[in-house]
Amino acid sequence: MAAMKPRTGDGPLEVVEEGRSIIMRVPLEGGGRLVVEIAASEAVELRDALEGVIK
């Protein structure tokens, strides 16, 4: 049986470039992280979409 590791904090929002991809790690309410791998063109689309709702 695998060892159970306690969650000691999931850390901040993190975005790193790995090879041709951009890896985004988003902390979730209740613990854990959402890990998303996107291309640079998709990151631009995401930025543009967010600019439309951020004031």
N, C-alpha and C. Protein backbone atom coordinates (compact mmCIF):
# COMPACT_ATOMS: atom_id res chain seq x y z
N MET A 1 0.85 -1.17 0.00
CA MET A 1 0.00 0.00 0.00
C MET A 1 0.89 1.24 0.00
N ALA A 2 0.52 2.22 -0.76
CA ALA A 2 1.31 3.45 -0.85
C ALA A 2 1.22 4.24 0.45
N ALA A 3 2.30 4.92 0.76
CA ALA A 3 2.33 5.75 1.97
C ALA A 3 1.43 6.96 1.79
N MET A 4 0.72 7.30 2.82
CA MET A 4 -0.13 8.49 2.79
C MET A 4 0.71 9.68 3.21
N LYS A 5 0.70 10.71 2.40
CA LYS A 5 1.46 11.91 2.72
C LYS A 5 0.48 13.02 3.10
N PRO A 6 0.73 13.71 4.19
CA PRO A 6 -0.18 14.80 4.57
C PRO A 6 -0.05 15.98 3.63
N ARG A 7 -1.14 16.67 3.40
CA ARG A 7 -1.10 17.89 2.58
C ARG A 7 -0.63 19.01 3.48
N THR A 8 0.50 19.57 3.14
CA THR A 8 1.06 20.64 3.98
C THR A 8 0.96 21.98 3.27
N GLY A 9 0.03 22.12 2.41
CA GLY A 9 -0.13 23.35 1.64
C GLY A 9 0.14 23.07 0.19
N ASP A 10 -0.64 23.64 -0.65
CA ASP A 10 -0.54 23.33 -2.06
C ASP A 10 0.23 24.39 -2.84
N GLY A 11 0.63 25.44 -2.16
CA GLY A 11 1.47 26.43 -2.81
C GLY A 11 0.69 27.45 -3.62
N PRO A 12 1.40 28.43 -4.13
CA PRO A 12 0.77 29.51 -4.89
C PRO A 12 0.51 29.10 -6.34
N LEU A 13 -0.18 29.97 -7.06
CA LEU A 13 -0.33 29.81 -8.50
C LEU A 13 1.07 29.80 -9.11
N GLU A 14 1.33 28.88 -9.99
CA GLU A 14 2.67 28.75 -10.57
C GLU A 14 2.55 28.52 -12.07
N VAL A 15 3.36 29.22 -12.84
CA VAL A 15 3.39 29.04 -14.30
C VAL A 15 4.84 28.93 -14.72
N VAL A 16 5.18 27.84 -15.41
CA VAL A 16 6.55 27.62 -15.87
C VAL A 16 6.54 27.16 -17.32
N GLU A 17 7.63 27.44 -18.00
CA GLU A 17 7.78 26.98 -19.38
C GLU A 17 8.63 25.73 -19.37
N GLU A 18 8.12 24.68 -19.98
CA GLU A 18 8.84 23.41 -20.07
C GLU A 18 8.82 22.97 -21.52
N GLY A 19 9.97 23.10 -22.16
CA GLY A 19 10.04 22.76 -23.58
C GLY A 19 9.16 23.68 -24.39
N ARG A 20 8.27 23.12 -25.19
CA ARG A 20 7.36 23.93 -26.01
C ARG A 20 6.05 24.24 -25.32
N SER A 21 5.88 23.75 -24.11
CA SER A 21 4.61 23.92 -23.40
C SER A 21 4.76 24.89 -22.24
N ILE A 22 3.62 25.39 -21.80
CA ILE A 22 3.53 26.20 -20.59
C ILE A 22 2.71 25.37 -19.60
N ILE A 23 3.25 25.18 -18.41
CA ILE A 23 2.59 24.39 -17.37
C ILE A 23 2.06 25.36 -16.32
N MET A 24 0.76 25.29 -16.07
CA MET A 24 0.13 26.16 -15.09
C MET A 24 -0.42 25.28 -13.97
N ARG A 25 -0.03 25.61 -12.73
CA ARG A 25 -0.51 24.87 -11.56
C ARG A 25 -1.36 25.84 -10.72
N VAL A 26 -2.63 25.53 -10.60
CA VAL A 26 -3.59 26.40 -9.93
C VAL A 26 -4.06 25.70 -8.65
N PRO A 27 -3.83 26.32 -7.47
CA PRO A 27 -4.32 25.72 -6.23
C PRO A 27 -5.85 25.73 -6.22
N LEU A 28 -6.43 24.66 -5.70
CA LEU A 28 -7.89 24.54 -5.65
C LEU A 28 -8.39 24.67 -4.22
N GLU A 29 -9.57 25.22 -4.08
CA GLU A 29 -10.19 25.32 -2.77
C GLU A 29 -10.43 23.90 -2.25
N GLY A 30 -10.05 23.66 -1.03
CA GLY A 30 -10.21 22.34 -0.45
C GLY A 30 -8.98 21.46 -0.60
N GLY A 31 -7.96 21.97 -1.26
CA GLY A 31 -6.70 21.23 -1.40
C GLY A 31 -6.49 20.71 -2.80
N GLY A 32 -5.26 20.44 -3.10
CA GLY A 32 -4.89 19.93 -4.41
C GLY A 32 -4.58 21.05 -5.38
N ARG A 33 -4.16 20.67 -6.56
CA ARG A 33 -3.83 21.63 -7.60
C ARG A 33 -4.34 21.13 -8.93
N LEU A 34 -4.78 22.06 -9.74
CA LEU A 34 -5.15 21.77 -11.11
C LEU A 34 -3.92 22.05 -11.96
N VAL A 35 -3.46 21.05 -12.70
CA VAL A 35 -2.28 21.20 -13.55
C VAL A 35 -2.74 21.19 -15.00
N VAL A 36 -2.40 22.29 -15.72
CA VAL A 36 -2.83 22.45 -17.11
C VAL A 36 -1.60 22.67 -17.97
N GLU A 37 -1.50 21.92 -19.06
CA GLU A 37 -0.42 22.11 -20.03
C GLU A 37 -1.02 22.77 -21.26
N ILE A 38 -0.49 23.94 -21.63
CA ILE A 38 -1.02 24.68 -22.77
C ILE A 38 0.12 25.14 -23.67
N ALA A 39 -0.21 25.38 -24.91
CA ALA A 39 0.75 25.93 -25.87
C ALA A 39 0.77 27.44 -25.72
N ALA A 40 1.80 28.09 -26.25
CA ALA A 40 1.92 29.54 -26.16
C ALA A 40 0.72 30.24 -26.80
N SER A 41 0.24 29.74 -27.92
CA SER A 41 -0.92 30.36 -28.57
C SER A 41 -2.16 30.26 -27.70
N GLU A 42 -2.31 29.16 -26.98
CA GLU A 42 -3.45 29.01 -26.06
C GLU A 42 -3.31 29.95 -24.87
N ALA A 43 -2.08 30.19 -24.42
CA ALA A 43 -1.84 31.13 -23.33
C ALA A 43 -2.25 32.54 -23.74
N VAL A 44 -1.98 32.91 -24.98
CA VAL A 44 -2.37 34.22 -25.48
C VAL A 44 -3.90 34.32 -25.50
N GLU A 45 -4.57 33.28 -25.94
CA GLU A 45 -6.04 33.27 -25.96
C GLU A 45 -6.59 33.38 -24.54
N LEU A 46 -5.97 32.68 -23.59
CA LEU A 46 -6.40 32.75 -22.19
C LEU A 46 -6.21 34.16 -21.65
N ARG A 47 -5.07 34.78 -21.94
CA ARG A 47 -4.81 36.16 -21.50
C ARG A 47 -5.88 37.10 -22.05
N ASP A 48 -6.16 36.98 -23.33
CA ASP A 48 -7.16 37.85 -23.96
C ASP A 48 -8.54 37.65 -23.34
N ALA A 49 -8.89 36.41 -23.05
CA ALA A 49 -10.19 36.13 -22.43
C ALA A 49 -10.27 36.71 -21.02
N LEU A 50 -9.18 36.61 -20.26
CA LEU A 50 -9.16 37.14 -18.90
C LEU A 50 -9.21 38.67 -18.89
N GLU A 51 -8.55 39.29 -19.86
CA GLU A 51 -8.57 40.76 -19.93
C GLU A 51 -9.98 41.29 -20.12
N GLY A 52 -10.83 40.49 -20.73
CA GLY A 52 -12.21 40.90 -20.95
C GLY A 52 -13.05 40.95 -19.69
N VAL A 53 -12.62 40.25 -18.63
CA VAL A 53 -13.40 40.23 -17.40
C VAL A 53 -12.70 40.86 -16.21
N ILE A 54 -11.42 41.16 -16.34
CA ILE A 54 -10.67 41.78 -15.24
C ILE A 54 -10.75 43.28 -15.39
N LYS A 55 -11.06 43.96 -14.30
CA LYS A 55 -11.19 45.42 -14.36
C LYS A 55 -10.15 46.08 -13.51
